[in-house]
Amino acid sequence: MKLMKSKGMHNAQVTMYNEYTMKWLLKTLCIVTCALCIQSCGVYSFSGTTLSPTIKTITVNNFTLQTAGGPANLPLDLTERIKEYYQRYTNLKVVPTGGDLVLEGAVSGYDLVAVAPTATDQAGLNRLQITVTTRFTNNKDDTKSFEQPFSFYQDFPQNQTLSQNESRLVPKILDQIILDIFNKTAADW
């Protein structure tokens, strides 16, 4: 790379500028090359998944409601959110049956608990906790299959009712549970 010498620049300044520019270009080229190599090998992706390149499909069976309480559409909402999450953050195709990966389970807990007692022996906060028992089957590598409960909660003020907060809290809780399920199944955390 040849740089024309402008007025007032000494040879040493031109040489130093050329060396700096070349080092920067080489570093940038190395970083881009490494990133492309990592992305193309299929073992790791920038979305955080560590799925084998042989895994192409996922089946998400309808989750069921195995607890008293909770919105009637909670299992359906959970099922659809899981499908959307895997479509958005993996290259997997969602298929109705026979997937390389299979997710199924049930909403096994929908609990409202008083927490944070105050001086008057009343709860300062109420807690909504949802538990989802998930069965994951990896048809390509059975050692990665598991059954496990995933749980998360959100708190709300004692002077408010569940019905005032349910439509706001349930999506937040489900989002965290879905992230935990995804991390355990696709990111192998």
N, C-alpha and C. Protein backbone atom coordinates (compact mmCIF):
# COMPACT_ATOMS: atom_id res chain seq x y z
N MET A 1 0.86 -1.17 0.00
CA MET A 1 0.00 0.00 0.00
C MET A 1 0.90 1.22 0.00
N LYS A 2 0.72 2.08 -0.95
CA LYS A 2 1.56 3.26 -1.08
C LYS A 2 0.73 4.49 -0.75
N LEU A 3 1.27 5.32 0.11
CA LEU A 3 0.58 6.54 0.52
C LEU A 3 1.39 7.72 0.01
N MET A 4 0.70 8.63 -0.60
CA MET A 4 1.37 9.83 -1.11
C MET A 4 1.70 10.73 0.07
N LYS A 5 2.85 11.30 0.01
CA LYS A 5 3.31 12.19 1.07
C LYS A 5 2.71 13.56 0.86
N SER A 6 2.01 14.05 1.89
CA SER A 6 1.45 15.40 1.77
C SER A 6 2.42 16.39 2.39
N LYS A 7 2.16 17.67 2.12
CA LYS A 7 3.03 18.72 2.65
C LYS A 7 3.06 18.65 4.17
N GLY A 8 4.20 18.77 4.72
CA GLY A 8 4.36 18.82 6.16
C GLY A 8 4.49 17.45 6.82
N MET A 9 4.30 16.37 6.09
CA MET A 9 4.45 15.03 6.68
C MET A 9 5.88 14.56 6.47
N HIS A 10 6.45 14.03 7.51
CA HIS A 10 7.79 13.48 7.43
C HIS A 10 7.70 12.01 7.02
N ASN A 11 8.79 11.49 6.51
CA ASN A 11 8.83 10.08 6.09
C ASN A 11 8.47 9.14 7.23
N ALA A 12 8.92 9.44 8.44
CA ALA A 12 8.63 8.58 9.60
C ALA A 12 7.13 8.55 9.88
N GLN A 13 6.44 9.70 9.73
CA GLN A 13 5.00 9.74 9.96
C GLN A 13 4.25 8.93 8.92
N VAL A 14 4.66 9.01 7.68
CA VAL A 14 4.03 8.26 6.59
C VAL A 14 4.20 6.77 6.83
N THR A 15 5.41 6.35 7.20
CA THR A 15 5.69 4.94 7.45
C THR A 15 4.86 4.42 8.62
N MET A 16 4.78 5.20 9.71
CA MET A 16 4.00 4.79 10.88
C MET A 16 2.52 4.69 10.52
N TYR A 17 2.01 5.62 9.73
CA TYR A 17 0.61 5.59 9.31
C TYR A 17 0.34 4.34 8.48
N ASN A 18 1.25 4.02 7.56
CA ASN A 18 1.11 2.82 6.72
C ASN A 18 1.10 1.55 7.57
N GLU A 19 2.01 1.45 8.54
CA GLU A 19 2.07 0.27 9.40
C GLU A 19 0.80 0.13 10.23
N TYR A 20 0.31 1.22 10.77
CA TYR A 20 -0.92 1.18 11.57
C TYR A 20 -2.10 0.72 10.72
N THR A 21 -2.21 1.26 9.52
CA THR A 21 -3.31 0.90 8.61
C THR A 21 -3.25 -0.58 8.25
N MET A 22 -2.07 -1.08 7.95
CA MET A 22 -1.92 -2.49 7.57
C MET A 22 -2.25 -3.40 8.75
N LYS A 23 -1.79 -3.05 9.95
CA LYS A 23 -2.10 -3.87 11.13
C LYS A 23 -3.61 -3.90 11.38
N TRP A 24 -4.25 -2.77 11.24
CA TRP A 24 -5.71 -2.71 11.45
C TRP A 24 -6.43 -3.57 10.42
N LEU A 25 -6.02 -3.49 9.16
CA LEU A 25 -6.64 -4.30 8.11
C LEU A 25 -6.44 -5.79 8.37
N LEU A 26 -5.25 -6.20 8.79
CA LEU A 26 -4.98 -7.61 9.07
C LEU A 26 -5.81 -8.11 10.25
N LYS A 27 -5.90 -7.31 11.31
CA LYS A 27 -6.71 -7.71 12.47
C LYS A 27 -8.18 -7.86 12.08
N THR A 28 -8.69 -6.92 11.33
CA THR A 28 -10.08 -6.97 10.89
C THR A 28 -10.33 -8.20 10.03
N LEU A 29 -9.42 -8.47 9.13
CA LEU A 29 -9.55 -9.64 8.25
C LEU A 29 -9.53 -10.94 9.06
N CYS A 30 -8.65 -11.02 10.05
CA CYS A 30 -8.58 -12.22 10.91
C CYS A 30 -9.87 -12.42 11.69
N ILE A 31 -10.41 -11.35 12.25
CA ILE A 31 -11.65 -11.45 13.02
C ILE A 31 -12.80 -11.91 12.14
N VAL A 32 -12.94 -11.34 10.98
CA VAL A 32 -14.02 -11.72 10.06
C VAL A 32 -13.86 -13.17 9.62
N THR A 33 -12.63 -13.58 9.32
CA THR A 33 -12.39 -14.96 8.90
C THR A 33 -12.72 -15.94 10.02
N CYS A 34 -12.30 -15.65 11.24
CA CYS A 34 -12.62 -16.53 12.38
C CYS A 34 -14.12 -16.61 12.60
N ALA A 35 -14.80 -15.50 12.53
CA ALA A 35 -16.26 -15.49 12.73
C ALA A 35 -16.95 -16.34 11.68
N LEU A 36 -16.54 -16.23 10.45
CA LEU A 36 -17.14 -17.04 9.38
C LEU A 36 -16.85 -18.52 9.57
N CYS A 37 -15.64 -18.85 10.00
CA CYS A 37 -15.30 -20.26 10.23
C CYS A 37 -16.14 -20.85 11.36
N ILE A 38 -16.28 -20.13 12.45
CA ILE A 38 -17.07 -20.60 13.59
C ILE A 38 -18.52 -20.78 13.18
N GLN A 39 -19.07 -19.82 12.48
CA GLN A 39 -20.47 -19.88 12.06
C GLN A 39 -20.72 -21.04 11.11
N SER A 40 -19.80 -21.31 10.22
CA SER A 40 -20.03 -22.33 9.20
C SER A 40 -19.83 -23.75 9.69
N CYS A 41 -19.15 -23.94 10.82
CA CYS A 41 -18.86 -25.31 11.24
C CYS A 41 -20.08 -26.01 11.82
N GLY A 42 -21.12 -25.31 12.20
CA GLY A 42 -22.35 -25.95 12.65
C GLY A 42 -22.35 -26.35 14.11
N VAL A 43 -21.23 -26.24 14.79
CA VAL A 43 -21.19 -26.62 16.19
C VAL A 43 -21.66 -25.48 17.07
N TYR A 44 -21.40 -24.27 16.66
CA TYR A 44 -21.80 -23.12 17.45
C TYR A 44 -22.41 -22.09 16.51
N SER A 45 -23.45 -21.43 16.99
CA SER A 45 -24.03 -20.35 16.19
C SER A 45 -24.11 -19.11 17.07
N PHE A 46 -24.25 -17.97 16.45
CA PHE A 46 -24.29 -16.73 17.21
C PHE A 46 -25.59 -16.55 17.97
N SER A 47 -26.59 -17.40 17.74
CA SER A 47 -27.81 -17.34 18.53
C SER A 47 -27.64 -18.11 19.83
N GLY A 48 -26.52 -18.79 20.01
CA GLY A 48 -26.26 -19.51 21.24
C GLY A 48 -26.60 -20.98 21.19
N THR A 49 -27.06 -21.49 20.07
CA THR A 49 -27.41 -22.90 20.00
C THR A 49 -26.19 -23.75 19.73
N THR A 50 -26.21 -24.96 20.27
CA THR A 50 -25.13 -25.92 20.05
C THR A 50 -25.69 -27.19 19.42
N LEU A 51 -26.71 -27.04 18.61
CA LEU A 51 -27.35 -28.20 17.99
C LEU A 51 -26.46 -28.79 16.90
N SER A 52 -26.48 -30.09 16.82
CA SER A 52 -25.76 -30.80 15.77
C SER A 52 -26.34 -30.42 14.41
N PRO A 53 -25.50 -30.33 13.39
CA PRO A 53 -26.02 -30.00 12.05
C PRO A 53 -26.94 -31.08 11.49
N THR A 54 -26.93 -32.27 12.09
CA THR A 54 -27.82 -33.34 11.61
C THR A 54 -29.25 -33.15 12.10
N ILE A 55 -29.45 -32.28 13.07
CA ILE A 55 -30.79 -32.02 13.61
C ILE A 55 -31.44 -30.93 12.77
N LYS A 56 -32.55 -31.27 12.15
CA LYS A 56 -33.21 -30.36 11.21
C LYS A 56 -34.63 -29.98 11.62
N THR A 57 -35.29 -30.81 12.45
CA THR A 57 -36.72 -30.60 12.75
C THR A 57 -36.99 -30.69 14.25
N ILE A 58 -38.08 -30.06 14.65
CA ILE A 58 -38.56 -30.16 16.03
C ILE A 58 -40.08 -30.31 16.00
N THR A 59 -40.57 -31.16 16.88
CA THR A 59 -42.00 -31.32 17.09
C THR A 59 -42.31 -30.78 18.48
N VAL A 60 -43.28 -29.88 18.57
CA VAL A 60 -43.72 -29.36 19.87
C VAL A 60 -45.17 -29.82 20.04
N ASN A 61 -45.33 -30.87 20.85
CA ASN A 61 -46.68 -31.37 21.12
C ASN A 61 -47.41 -30.41 22.03
N ASN A 62 -48.74 -30.42 21.96
CA ASN A 62 -49.54 -29.51 22.78
C ASN A 62 -49.30 -29.77 24.26
N PHE A 63 -48.96 -28.73 24.99
CA PHE A 63 -48.83 -28.83 26.44
C PHE A 63 -50.23 -28.91 27.04
N THR A 64 -50.33 -29.54 28.19
CA THR A 64 -51.63 -29.70 28.85
C THR A 64 -51.64 -28.93 30.16
N LEU A 65 -52.82 -28.81 30.74
CA LEU A 65 -52.99 -28.13 32.03
C LEU A 65 -53.27 -29.20 33.08
N GLN A 66 -52.35 -29.41 34.01
CA GLN A 66 -52.50 -30.42 35.04
C GLN A 66 -52.52 -29.79 36.43
N THR A 67 -53.14 -28.65 36.52
CA THR A 67 -53.24 -27.96 37.80
C THR A 67 -54.53 -27.17 37.83
N ALA A 68 -55.01 -26.92 39.03
CA ALA A 68 -56.19 -26.07 39.16
C ALA A 68 -55.74 -24.62 39.03
N GLY A 69 -56.57 -23.82 38.45
CA GLY A 69 -56.25 -22.40 38.30
C GLY A 69 -55.52 -22.12 37.01
N GLY A 70 -55.40 -20.86 36.74
CA GLY A 70 -54.73 -20.43 35.52
C GLY A 70 -55.71 -20.26 34.38
N PRO A 71 -55.36 -19.43 33.44
CA PRO A 71 -56.22 -19.22 32.28
C PRO A 71 -56.38 -20.52 31.48
N ALA A 72 -57.55 -20.74 30.93
CA ALA A 72 -57.82 -21.96 30.18
C ALA A 72 -56.93 -22.07 28.94
N ASN A 73 -56.54 -20.93 28.37
CA ASN A 73 -55.71 -20.96 27.16
C ASN A 73 -54.21 -21.00 27.46
N LEU A 74 -53.83 -21.13 28.72
CA LEU A 74 -52.42 -21.11 29.10
C LEU A 74 -51.59 -22.19 28.38
N PRO A 75 -52.03 -23.46 28.34
CA PRO A 75 -51.22 -24.46 27.64
C PRO A 75 -51.08 -24.18 26.14
N LEU A 76 -52.14 -23.74 25.51
CA LEU A 76 -52.08 -23.42 24.08
C LEU A 76 -51.15 -22.23 23.83
N ASP A 77 -51.26 -21.21 24.66
CA ASP A 77 -50.39 -20.04 24.55
C ASP A 77 -48.92 -20.45 24.72
N LEU A 78 -48.65 -21.29 25.71
CA LEU A 78 -47.29 -21.78 25.95
C LEU A 78 -46.76 -22.55 24.74
N THR A 79 -47.57 -23.46 24.22
CA THR A 79 -47.17 -24.26 23.05
C THR A 79 -46.81 -23.38 21.87
N GLU A 80 -47.66 -22.41 21.56
CA GLU A 80 -47.41 -21.53 20.41
C GLU A 80 -46.19 -20.65 20.62
N ARG A 81 -45.99 -20.17 21.84
CA ARG A 81 -44.82 -19.35 22.14
C ARG A 81 -43.52 -20.15 21.98
N ILE A 82 -43.55 -21.42 22.40
CA ILE A 82 -42.37 -22.27 22.25
C ILE A 82 -42.05 -22.48 20.77
N LYS A 83 -43.07 -22.78 19.98
CA LYS A 83 -42.86 -22.97 18.54
C LYS A 83 -42.25 -21.72 17.91
N GLU A 84 -42.82 -20.57 18.23
CA GLU A 84 -42.31 -19.31 17.68
C GLU A 84 -40.87 -19.07 18.09
N TYR A 85 -40.53 -19.37 19.35
CA TYR A 85 -39.18 -19.13 19.85
C TYR A 85 -38.16 -19.98 19.08
N TYR A 86 -38.47 -21.25 18.89
CA TYR A 86 -37.55 -22.13 18.17
C TYR A 86 -37.44 -21.74 16.70
N GLN A 87 -38.53 -21.28 16.11
CA GLN A 87 -38.46 -20.83 14.72
C GLN A 87 -37.61 -19.57 14.60
N ARG A 88 -37.71 -18.70 15.58
CA ARG A 88 -36.98 -17.43 15.53
C ARG A 88 -35.49 -17.61 15.80
N TYR A 89 -35.13 -18.48 16.73
CA TYR A 89 -33.74 -18.54 17.19
C TYR A 89 -32.98 -19.79 16.75
N THR A 90 -33.58 -20.64 15.92
CA THR A 90 -32.85 -21.78 15.35
C THR A 90 -33.21 -21.90 13.87
N ASN A 91 -32.52 -22.78 13.20
CA ASN A 91 -32.84 -23.08 11.81
C ASN A 91 -33.75 -24.30 11.71
N LEU A 92 -34.27 -24.76 12.84
CA LEU A 92 -35.11 -25.95 12.85
C LEU A 92 -36.46 -25.68 12.21
N LYS A 93 -36.96 -26.68 11.53
CA LYS A 93 -38.30 -26.61 10.96
C LYS A 93 -39.25 -27.28 11.95
N VAL A 94 -40.34 -26.59 12.30
CA VAL A 94 -41.33 -27.15 13.21
C VAL A 94 -42.24 -28.06 12.39
N VAL A 95 -42.30 -29.34 12.80
CA VAL A 95 -43.14 -30.32 12.11
C VAL A 95 -44.15 -30.91 13.10
N PRO A 96 -45.33 -31.33 12.62
CA PRO A 96 -46.37 -31.82 13.53
C PRO A 96 -46.01 -33.14 14.23
N THR A 97 -45.28 -34.03 13.57
CA THR A 97 -44.87 -35.29 14.18
C THR A 97 -43.51 -35.71 13.65
N GLY A 98 -42.85 -36.59 14.39
CA GLY A 98 -41.61 -37.19 13.92
C GLY A 98 -40.40 -36.29 13.85
N GLY A 99 -40.35 -35.25 14.67
CA GLY A 99 -39.20 -34.35 14.65
C GLY A 99 -37.95 -35.00 15.23
N ASP A 100 -36.80 -34.47 14.83
CA ASP A 100 -35.54 -34.93 15.42
C ASP A 100 -35.52 -34.63 16.92
N LEU A 101 -36.13 -33.53 17.29
CA LEU A 101 -36.31 -33.15 18.69
C LEU A 101 -37.81 -33.11 18.96
N VAL A 102 -38.20 -33.52 20.17
CA VAL A 102 -39.61 -33.49 20.55
C VAL A 102 -39.73 -32.84 21.92
N LEU A 103 -40.59 -31.84 22.02
CA LEU A 103 -40.89 -31.17 23.29
C LEU A 103 -42.36 -31.41 23.61
N GLU A 104 -42.63 -31.78 24.85
CA GLU A 104 -44.00 -31.94 25.31
C GLU A 104 -44.01 -31.76 26.81
N GLY A 105 -45.19 -31.60 27.37
CA GLY A 105 -45.25 -31.44 28.81
C GLY A 105 -46.57 -30.88 29.27
N ALA A 106 -46.54 -30.32 30.48
CA ALA A 106 -47.76 -29.84 31.10
C ALA A 106 -47.46 -28.67 32.02
N VAL A 107 -48.45 -27.78 32.13
CA VAL A 107 -48.40 -26.75 33.16
C VAL A 107 -48.79 -27.46 34.44
N SER A 108 -47.83 -27.68 35.32
CA SER A 108 -48.05 -28.49 36.51
C SER A 108 -48.21 -27.66 37.78
N GLY A 109 -48.05 -26.36 37.68
CA GLY A 109 -48.22 -25.50 38.84
C GLY A 109 -48.63 -24.10 38.43
N TYR A 110 -49.64 -23.59 39.11
CA TYR A 110 -50.09 -22.21 38.92
C TYR A 110 -50.49 -21.73 40.30
N ASP A 111 -49.53 -21.14 41.01
CA ASP A 111 -49.70 -20.88 42.43
C ASP A 111 -49.60 -19.40 42.76
N LEU A 112 -50.48 -18.97 43.64
CA LEU A 112 -50.46 -17.61 44.18
C LEU A 112 -50.08 -17.71 45.64
N VAL A 113 -48.97 -17.07 46.01
CA VAL A 113 -48.42 -17.18 47.35
C VAL A 113 -48.17 -15.79 47.91
N ALA A 114 -48.48 -15.61 49.19
CA ALA A 114 -48.18 -14.35 49.87
C ALA A 114 -46.72 -14.37 50.30
N VAL A 115 -46.00 -13.30 49.98
CA VAL A 115 -44.59 -13.19 50.35
C VAL A 115 -44.33 -11.82 50.96
N ALA A 116 -43.16 -11.63 51.51
CA ALA A 116 -42.73 -10.36 52.10
C ALA A 116 -43.69 -9.88 53.18
N PRO A 117 -43.73 -10.57 54.33
CA PRO A 117 -44.62 -10.16 55.41
C PRO A 117 -44.28 -8.76 55.94
N THR A 118 -45.32 -8.06 56.37
CA THR A 118 -45.14 -6.72 56.93
C THR A 118 -45.29 -6.78 58.45
N ALA A 119 -45.17 -5.64 59.11
CA ALA A 119 -45.27 -5.58 60.57
C ALA A 119 -46.67 -5.97 61.06
N THR A 120 -47.68 -5.81 60.22
CA THR A 120 -49.05 -6.15 60.61
C THR A 120 -49.41 -7.59 60.25
N ASP A 121 -48.42 -8.42 60.00
CA ASP A 121 -48.61 -9.83 59.63
C ASP A 121 -49.42 -10.01 58.35
N GLN A 122 -49.39 -9.03 57.49
CA GLN A 122 -50.01 -9.17 56.18
C GLN A 122 -48.89 -9.23 55.14
N ALA A 123 -49.20 -9.84 54.04
CA ALA A 123 -48.19 -9.93 52.98
C ALA A 123 -48.00 -8.57 52.33
N GLY A 124 -46.76 -8.22 52.09
CA GLY A 124 -46.47 -6.99 51.38
C GLY A 124 -46.54 -7.19 49.88
N LEU A 125 -46.35 -8.43 49.46
CA LEU A 125 -46.38 -8.77 48.04
C LEU A 125 -47.08 -10.11 47.85
N ASN A 126 -47.66 -10.28 46.71
CA ASN A 126 -48.18 -11.57 46.28
C ASN A 126 -47.29 -12.07 45.16
N ARG A 127 -47.15 -13.37 45.07
CA ARG A 127 -46.28 -13.97 44.05
C ARG A 127 -47.09 -14.96 43.22
N LEU A 128 -47.03 -14.78 41.91
CA LEU A 128 -47.61 -15.75 40.98
C LEU A 128 -46.46 -16.59 40.44
N GLN A 129 -46.54 -17.90 40.69
CA GLN A 129 -45.50 -18.82 40.24
C GLN A 129 -46.11 -19.86 39.32
N ILE A 130 -45.49 -20.04 38.15
CA ILE A 130 -45.94 -21.04 37.19
C ILE A 130 -44.84 -22.08 37.02
N THR A 131 -45.24 -23.35 37.04
CA THR A 131 -44.30 -24.46 36.84
C THR A 131 -44.74 -25.24 35.60
N VAL A 132 -43.78 -25.52 34.75
CA VAL A 132 -44.03 -26.30 33.53
C VAL A 132 -43.11 -27.52 33.55
N THR A 133 -43.70 -28.70 33.62
CA THR A 133 -42.92 -29.93 33.55
C THR A 133 -42.74 -30.28 32.07
N THR A 134 -41.50 -30.38 31.65
CA THR A 134 -41.18 -30.55 30.23
C THR A 134 -40.46 -31.88 30.00
N ARG A 135 -40.89 -32.58 28.97
CA ARG A 135 -40.22 -33.79 28.53
C ARG A 135 -39.58 -33.49 27.17
N PHE A 136 -38.27 -33.63 27.10
CA PHE A 136 -37.52 -33.36 25.88
C PHE A 136 -36.91 -34.65 25.39
N THR A 137 -37.15 -34.97 24.13
CA THR A 137 -36.58 -36.17 23.52
C THR A 137 -35.73 -35.76 22.33
N ASN A 138 -34.46 -36.16 22.38
CA ASN A 138 -33.55 -35.94 21.26
C ASN A 138 -33.43 -37.28 20.54
N ASN A 139 -34.09 -37.42 19.41
CA ASN A 139 -34.09 -38.68 18.68
C ASN A 139 -32.77 -39.00 17.99
N LYS A 140 -31.85 -38.05 17.97
CA LYS A 140 -30.53 -38.27 17.38
C LYS A 140 -29.48 -38.63 18.44
N ASP A 141 -29.71 -38.18 19.68
CA ASP A 141 -28.77 -38.44 20.77
C ASP A 141 -29.56 -38.56 22.06
N ASP A 142 -29.92 -39.79 22.42
CA ASP A 142 -30.79 -40.02 23.57
C ASP A 142 -30.18 -39.56 24.90
N THR A 143 -28.86 -39.40 24.95
CA THR A 143 -28.23 -38.96 26.19
C THR A 143 -28.61 -37.52 26.54
N LYS A 144 -29.13 -36.78 25.57
CA LYS A 144 -29.53 -35.39 25.81
C LYS A 144 -31.01 -35.25 26.15
N SER A 145 -31.73 -36.36 26.15
CA SER A 145 -33.16 -36.33 26.50
C SER A 145 -33.31 -36.17 28.01
N PHE A 146 -34.40 -35.54 28.45
CA PHE A 146 -34.64 -35.33 29.88
C PHE A 146 -36.11 -35.03 30.14
N GLU A 147 -36.48 -35.11 31.41
CA GLU A 147 -37.77 -34.61 31.89
C GLU A 147 -37.46 -33.77 33.12
N GLN A 148 -37.98 -32.54 33.12
CA GLN A 148 -37.60 -31.60 34.19
C GLN A 148 -38.66 -30.52 34.35
N PRO A 149 -38.92 -30.11 35.59
CA PRO A 149 -39.81 -28.95 35.78
C PRO A 149 -39.03 -27.64 35.62
N PHE A 150 -39.67 -26.67 35.01
CA PHE A 150 -39.12 -25.32 34.89
C PHE A 150 -40.12 -24.38 35.55
N SER A 151 -39.62 -23.47 36.36
CA SER A 151 -40.51 -22.63 37.14
C SER A 151 -39.99 -21.20 37.17
N PHE A 152 -40.93 -20.26 37.21
CA PHE A 152 -40.55 -18.86 37.37
C PHE A 152 -41.72 -18.13 38.01
N TYR A 153 -41.45 -16.95 38.54
CA TYR A 153 -42.50 -16.19 39.24
C TYR A 153 -42.35 -14.71 38.98
N GLN A 154 -43.42 -13.99 39.30
CA GLN A 154 -43.43 -12.53 39.30
C GLN A 154 -44.22 -12.09 40.53
N ASP A 155 -43.78 -11.01 41.16
CA ASP A 155 -44.46 -10.47 42.33
C ASP A 155 -45.31 -9.27 41.94
N PHE A 156 -46.37 -9.04 42.73
CA PHE A 156 -47.19 -7.85 42.54
C PHE A 156 -47.69 -7.39 43.90
N PRO A 157 -48.09 -6.11 44.03
CA PRO A 157 -48.48 -5.55 45.33
C PRO A 157 -49.68 -6.28 45.95
N GLN A 158 -49.65 -6.34 47.27
CA GLN A 158 -50.69 -7.04 48.04
C GLN A 158 -52.05 -6.39 47.85
N ASN A 159 -52.10 -5.10 47.62
CA ASN A 159 -53.38 -4.40 47.51
C ASN A 159 -54.00 -4.53 46.11
N GLN A 160 -53.40 -5.35 45.24
CA GLN A 160 -53.96 -5.60 43.91
C GLN A 160 -54.35 -7.07 43.79
N THR A 161 -55.32 -7.34 42.94
CA THR A 161 -55.78 -8.71 42.76
C THR A 161 -55.01 -9.39 41.63
N LEU A 162 -55.11 -10.71 41.61
CA LEU A 162 -54.47 -11.47 40.54
C LEU A 162 -55.07 -11.10 39.19
N SER A 163 -56.38 -10.93 39.15
CA SER A 163 -57.02 -10.60 37.86
C SER A 163 -56.56 -9.25 37.32
N GLN A 164 -56.14 -8.33 38.20
CA GLN A 164 -55.60 -7.04 37.75
C GLN A 164 -54.21 -7.20 37.13
N ASN A 165 -53.49 -8.24 37.50
CA ASN A 165 -52.09 -8.40 37.10
C ASN A 165 -51.82 -9.58 36.18
N GLU A 166 -52.74 -10.51 36.10
CA GLU A 166 -52.51 -11.76 35.38
C GLU A 166 -52.11 -11.56 33.92
N SER A 167 -52.80 -10.68 33.22
CA SER A 167 -52.51 -10.49 31.79
C SER A 167 -51.13 -9.86 31.57
N ARG A 168 -50.60 -9.20 32.57
CA ARG A 168 -49.27 -8.59 32.48
C ARG A 168 -48.18 -9.56 32.93
N LEU A 169 -48.46 -10.35 33.97
CA LEU A 169 -47.44 -11.20 34.57
C LEU A 169 -47.23 -12.53 33.84
N VAL A 170 -48.33 -13.14 33.39
CA VAL A 170 -48.22 -14.47 32.76
C VAL A 170 -47.28 -14.45 31.55
N PRO A 171 -47.39 -13.49 30.62
CA PRO A 171 -46.44 -13.49 29.49
C PRO A 171 -44.98 -13.35 29.93
N LYS A 172 -44.71 -12.55 30.96
CA LYS A 172 -43.34 -12.41 31.46
C LYS A 172 -42.82 -13.72 32.03
N ILE A 173 -43.67 -14.40 32.79
CA ILE A 173 -43.27 -15.68 33.38
C ILE A 173 -43.03 -16.71 32.29
N LEU A 174 -43.94 -16.79 31.33
CA LEU A 174 -43.79 -17.76 30.24
C LEU A 174 -42.53 -17.48 29.42
N ASP A 175 -42.24 -16.21 29.17
CA ASP A 175 -41.02 -15.86 28.42
C ASP A 175 -39.77 -16.40 29.10
N GLN A 176 -39.70 -16.28 30.42
CA GLN A 176 -38.53 -16.76 31.15
C GLN A 176 -38.47 -18.29 31.15
N ILE A 177 -39.61 -18.93 31.33
CA ILE A 177 -39.64 -20.40 31.31
C ILE A 177 -39.22 -20.91 29.93
N ILE A 178 -39.72 -20.29 28.88
CA ILE A 178 -39.35 -20.70 27.51
C ILE A 178 -37.86 -20.50 27.28
N LEU A 179 -37.31 -19.40 27.76
CA LEU A 179 -35.87 -19.18 27.64
C LEU A 179 -35.09 -20.27 28.36
N ASP A 180 -35.54 -20.65 29.56
CA ASP A 180 -34.87 -21.71 30.31
C ASP A 180 -34.95 -23.05 29.57
N ILE A 181 -36.12 -23.35 29.02
CA ILE A 181 -36.28 -24.59 28.24
C ILE A 181 -35.36 -24.57 27.02
N PHE A 182 -35.33 -23.45 26.32
CA PHE A 182 -34.48 -23.31 25.14
C PHE A 182 -33.01 -23.50 25.50
N ASN A 183 -32.58 -22.86 26.58
CA ASN A 183 -31.18 -22.97 27.00
C ASN A 183 -30.81 -24.41 27.34
N LYS A 184 -31.74 -25.13 27.95
CA LYS A 184 -31.47 -26.52 28.33
C LYS A 184 -31.47 -27.45 27.10
N THR A 185 -32.31 -27.17 26.12
CA THR A 185 -32.46 -28.07 24.98
C THR A 185 -31.56 -27.71 23.80
N ALA A 186 -31.54 -26.47 23.41
CA ALA A 186 -30.81 -26.06 22.20
C ALA A 186 -29.43 -25.48 22.50
N ALA A 187 -29.30 -24.79 23.63
CA ALA A 187 -28.01 -24.17 23.95
C ALA A 187 -27.18 -25.07 24.86
N ASP A 188 -27.80 -26.14 25.39
CA ASP A 188 -27.11 -27.13 26.22
C ASP A 188 -26.45 -26.49 27.44
N TRP A 189 -27.17 -25.58 28.10
CA TRP A 189 -26.67 -24.91 29.31
C TRP A 189 -27.20 -25.62 30.52
